[in-house]
Protein backbone atom coordinates (compact mmCIF):
# COMPACT_ATOMS: atom_id res chain seq x y z
CA MET A 1 0.00 0.00 0.00
CA ARG A 2 1.23 3.50 -0.87
CA VAL A 3 0.05 6.59 0.99
CA LEU A 4 0.80 10.28 0.42
CA ILE A 5 0.40 12.69 3.36
CA VAL A 6 0.08 16.36 2.34
CA GLU A 7 0.62 18.17 5.64
CA ASP A 8 2.99 20.96 6.77
CA SER A 9 3.18 19.85 10.42
CA PRO A 10 6.00 17.30 10.96
CA GLU A 11 4.30 16.20 14.17
CA ILE A 12 1.06 15.36 12.35
CA VAL A 13 2.95 13.56 9.56
CA GLU A 14 4.77 11.51 12.19
CA ALA A 15 1.55 10.69 14.08
CA VAL A 16 -0.33 9.66 10.93
CA SER A 17 2.64 7.63 9.69
CA LEU A 18 2.86 5.78 13.00
CA CYS A 19 -0.86 4.95 12.93
CA LEU A 20 -0.56 3.52 9.43
CA GLN A 21 2.67 1.63 10.11
CA LEU A 22 1.21 -0.06 13.19
CA ARG A 23 -1.73 -1.31 11.13
CA TRP A 24 0.16 -1.95 7.87
CA PRO A 25 3.85 -2.60 8.70
CA GLY A 26 4.87 -2.64 5.03
CA VAL A 27 3.12 0.61 4.08
CA ASP A 28 5.08 2.95 1.76
CA ILE A 29 4.54 6.52 3.01
CA SER A 30 5.48 9.71 1.16
CA SER A 31 4.85 13.25 2.39
CA ALA A 32 4.66 16.78 1.07
CA ASP A 33 4.78 19.88 3.27
CA ASP A 34 2.94 22.15 0.84
CA GLY A 35 0.17 21.89 -1.73
CA ALA A 36 2.21 22.45 -4.88
CA LYS A 37 4.60 19.65 -3.97
CA GLY A 38 1.69 17.35 -3.16
CA ILE A 39 0.12 17.96 -6.57
CA ARG A 40 3.42 17.26 -8.35
CA ILE A 41 3.88 13.99 -6.47
CA VAL A 42 0.35 12.77 -7.28
CA GLU A 43 0.92 13.68 -10.94
CA SER A 44 4.11 11.63 -11.14
CA GLU A 45 3.41 8.66 -8.82
CA SER A 46 0.62 6.23 -8.00
CA PHE A 47 -0.96 6.04 -4.54
CA ASP A 48 -3.73 4.06 -2.88
CA VAL A 49 -4.75 6.93 -0.57
CA VAL A 50 -3.94 10.63 -0.20
CA ILE A 51 -4.35 12.20 3.24
CA LEU A 52 -4.75 15.94 2.76
CA ASP A 53 -4.67 18.86 5.19
CA ILE A 54 -6.64 21.99 4.27
CA ASN A 55 -4.53 24.65 6.00
CA LEU A 56 -1.38 24.47 3.87
CA PRO A 57 1.27 27.23 3.72
CA ASP A 58 1.08 27.91 -0.02
CA ILE A 59 -2.24 26.78 -1.49
CA ASP A 60 -5.62 26.29 0.14
CA GLY A 61 -6.18 22.56 0.52
CA PHE A 62 -9.52 22.73 -1.28
CA LYS A 63 -7.71 24.07 -4.35
CA VAL A 64 -5.20 21.23 -4.05
CA LEU A 65 -8.13 18.82 -4.02
CA ASP A 66 -9.60 20.49 -7.12
CA ARG A 67 -6.29 20.11 -8.94
CA ILE A 68 -5.93 16.45 -7.97
CA ARG A 69 -9.47 15.70 -9.05
CA SER A 70 -8.79 17.26 -12.46
CA PHE A 71 -6.52 14.33 -13.36
CA SER A 72 -6.86 11.58 -10.74
CA HIS A 73 -9.48 9.39 -9.04
CA VAL A 74 -7.16 8.49 -6.14
CA PRO A 75 -9.12 8.23 -2.87
CA VAL A 76 -8.59 11.38 -0.76
CA ILE A 77 -9.21 11.77 2.97
CA ILE A 78 -9.20 15.32 4.33
CA VAL A 79 -7.77 15.67 7.85
CA SER A 80 -8.42 19.19 9.15
CA VAL A 81 -8.98 21.29 12.26
CA ARG A 82 -11.97 22.84 10.49
CA ARG A 83 -14.96 21.13 12.05
CA SER A 84 -17.92 23.02 10.59
CA GLU A 85 -20.49 21.18 8.51
CA LYS A 86 -19.92 23.80 5.81
CA ASP A 87 -16.26 22.83 5.45
CA ARG A 88 -17.06 19.10 5.50
CA THR A 89 -19.70 19.58 2.82
CA LYS A 90 -17.32 21.72 0.76
CA GLY A 91 -14.67 19.00 0.90
CA LEU A 92 -17.07 16.25 -0.15
CA GLU A 93 -18.57 18.36 -2.93
CA ARG A 94 -15.10 18.98 -4.36
CA GLY A 95 -14.24 15.30 -4.48
CA ALA A 96 -12.95 14.14 -1.09
CA ASP A 97 -13.94 10.61 -0.11
CA ASP A 98 -13.91 11.27 3.64
CA TYR A 99 -13.34 14.11 6.11
CA ILE A 100 -11.75 13.68 9.56
CA VAL A 101 -11.50 16.45 12.15
CA LYS A 102 -8.29 17.00 14.16
CA PRO A 103 -7.49 15.92 16.78
CA PHE A 104 -8.43 12.45 15.61
CA SER A 105 -8.35 9.01 17.16
CA PRO A 106 -5.67 6.74 15.67
CA VAL A 107 -8.22 3.92 15.69
CA ASP A 108 -10.69 6.11 13.76
CA LEU A 109 -8.08 7.09 11.17
CA VAL A 110 -7.06 3.48 10.57
CA ALA A 111 -10.71 2.42 10.31
CA ARG A 112 -11.45 5.16 7.76
CA VAL A 113 -8.40 4.30 5.64
CA ASN A 114 -9.23 0.60 5.81
CA ALA A 115 -12.84 1.18 4.78
CA LEU A 116 -11.76 3.41 1.89
CA LEU A 117 -9.25 0.84 0.65
CA ARG A 118 -11.85 -1.91 0.87
CA ARG A 119 -14.37 0.10 -1.11
CA SER A 120 -11.90 1.26 -3.77
CA ARG A 121 -10.71 -2.30 -4.38
CA MET A 122 -14.10 -3.83 -5.11
CA PRO A 123 -13.49 -7.01 -7.15
CA LYS A 124 -14.56 -7.26 -10.76
CA PRO A 125 -17.64 -9.39 -11.39
CA ALA A 126 -16.36 -12.95 -12.02
CA GLY A 127 -16.50 -13.82 -15.71
CA GLN A 128 -18.08 -10.48 -16.56
CA GLU A 129 -15.04 -8.35 -17.36
CA ASP A 130 -16.83 -6.62 -20.26
CA LEU A 131 -20.22 -6.29 -18.60
CA THR A 132 -21.84 -2.90 -19.05
CA ILE A 133 -25.10 -1.36 -17.93
CA VAL A 134 -26.76 0.88 -20.49
CA HIS A 135 -29.57 3.33 -19.84
CA GLY A 136 -30.10 5.49 -22.90
CA ASN A 137 -27.00 7.68 -23.30
CA LEU A 138 -25.60 6.60 -19.92
CA VAL A 139 -23.18 3.64 -19.90
CA LEU A 140 -21.47 2.04 -16.88
CA ASN A 141 -18.61 -0.40 -17.35
CA LEU A 142 -18.59 -2.66 -14.29
CA ALA A 143 -15.02 -3.86 -14.87
CA SER A 144 -13.22 -0.58 -15.52
CA HIS A 145 -15.70 1.58 -13.53
CA GLU A 146 -15.77 3.93 -16.51
CA VAL A 147 -18.92 6.01 -16.92
CA ARG A 148 -19.94 7.60 -20.20
CA TYR A 149 -22.83 9.98 -20.74
CA GLN A 150 -23.69 11.28 -24.19
CA ASP A 151 -20.44 9.71 -25.48
CA GLU A 152 -18.30 11.65 -23.00
CA VAL A 153 -16.35 10.15 -20.09
CA VAL A 154 -17.67 11.27 -16.70
CA ASN A 155 -14.91 11.41 -14.09
CA LEU A 156 -16.30 10.00 -10.85
CA THR A 157 -14.59 9.27 -7.56
CA PRO A 158 -14.92 5.69 -6.22
CA ALA A 159 -17.70 6.74 -3.83
CA GLU A 160 -19.61 8.56 -6.59
CA TRP A 161 -19.33 5.51 -8.84
CA ARG A 162 -20.71 3.19 -6.17
CA LEU A 163 -23.56 5.59 -5.46
CA LEU A 164 -24.51 5.75 -9.14
CA TYR A 165 -24.29 1.96 -9.41
CA VAL A 166 -26.63 1.43 -6.45
CA LEU A 167 -29.18 3.85 -7.94
CA ILE A 168 -28.96 2.36 -11.43
CA LYS A 169 -29.27 -1.27 -10.34
CA ASN A 170 -32.53 -0.19 -8.66
CA ALA A 171 -33.67 1.89 -11.66
CA GLY A 172 -37.28 2.99 -11.38
CA ARG A 173 -37.47 2.15 -7.68
CA THR A 174 -37.02 4.49 -4.73
CA VAL A 175 -33.99 3.55 -2.62
CA SER A 176 -34.09 4.87 0.95
CA SER A 177 -31.20 6.90 2.33
CA GLU A 178 -30.54 4.16 4.87
CA GLN A 179 -30.26 1.52 2.13
CA ILE A 180 -27.89 3.70 0.10
CA LEU A 181 -25.68 4.47 3.10
CA HIS A 182 -25.46 0.76 3.93
CA GLN A 183 -24.74 -0.39 0.38
CA VAL A 184 -22.31 2.39 -0.58
CA TRP A 185 -20.51 3.05 2.70
CA SER A 186 -21.13 -0.19 4.62
CA GLY A 187 -22.24 1.61 7.77
CA GLU A 188 -19.19 3.88 7.96
CA ASN A 189 -19.41 7.37 9.42
CA VAL A 190 -21.42 8.96 6.60
CA GLY A 191 -24.80 10.54 7.29
CA SER A 192 -27.79 11.87 5.40
CA GLU A 193 -26.30 15.35 4.93
CA SER A 194 -23.16 13.88 3.36
CA LEU A 195 -25.35 11.70 1.13
CA ARG A 196 -27.17 14.81 -0.11
CA THR A 197 -23.76 16.31 -0.92
CA TYR A 198 -22.78 13.25 -2.96
CA ILE A 199 -26.13 13.34 -4.78
CA ARG A 200 -25.51 17.00 -5.72
CA ARG A 201 -22.01 16.12 -6.94
CA LEU A 202 -23.33 13.28 -9.05
CA ARG A 203 -26.06 15.43 -10.56
CA ASN A 204 -23.53 18.16 -11.39
CA LYS A 205 -21.19 15.73 -13.15
CA LEU A 206 -24.06 14.21 -15.13
CA LYS A 207 -25.40 17.68 -15.96
CA ASP A 208 -28.65 16.58 -14.32
CA ASP A 209 -29.98 20.04 -13.44
CA PRO A 210 -32.90 20.28 -13.09
CA PRO A 211 -32.95 16.61 -12.03
CA ARG A 212 -34.23 14.24 -14.71
CA MET A 213 -32.24 11.10 -13.90
CA ILE A 214 -31.61 11.21 -10.15
CA LEU A 215 -34.86 12.20 -8.51
CA THR A 216 -35.56 12.93 -4.86
CA ASP A 217 -38.66 11.32 -3.39
CA ARG A 218 -39.25 13.54 -0.37
CA GLY A 219 -39.11 11.65 2.88
CA LYS A 220 -38.43 8.36 1.10
CA GLY A 221 -35.09 8.45 -0.71
CA TYR A 222 -33.76 8.66 -4.28
CA ARG A 223 -34.82 7.16 -7.59
CA PHE A 224 -32.94 6.73 -10.86
CA VAL A 225 -34.89 7.26 -14.09
CA SER A 226 -33.32 6.26 -17.41
CA PRO A 227 -32.42 9.31 -19.53
CA GLY A 228 -33.93 7.52 -22.54
């Protein structure tokens, strides 16, 4: 496993590294003490997880996240002292896969990283390497996790892809928020407000505004309707 920590505090880098090394003794950890360096490293190397601080000395961490998301689907966990729901929502909307507030529990950090790795390494369907799901102009490749809409590739994070898959496999039926949270995040620390953020992100990327494909059934959940 390879992890990049983008954090300007040596103490935090050391603490995070120790947490990961205790759980995964062979983990390969790299670090960057500013945003520009972090972006360059992600551009040139491959990682399983990026742990990103928001308060960086050169570039706002949200802008670093934007830049990473412009070319990479690597899972990103934000670790920040900013604890407001506004900041958490902002991070998720811009492509983070999780958001942890400092000071954090080492056990919590390891659990979040482990859950993210487990979700991002979902096995391919046995014997169905070329299986695709087609709904009108929307195409999901279950092996490569590529999504195309109107013949254009839609860049989704792993969590966004899983969310879309859950909605599409239940096309025409309302899926409750509780069912989605269980199937997409396996009971991890993600709530209804975060789910609404992911739904908005998915709609934005699919240019589904006003909603025509991903509909909200008030008080019940969400329903996918084929774009035809």
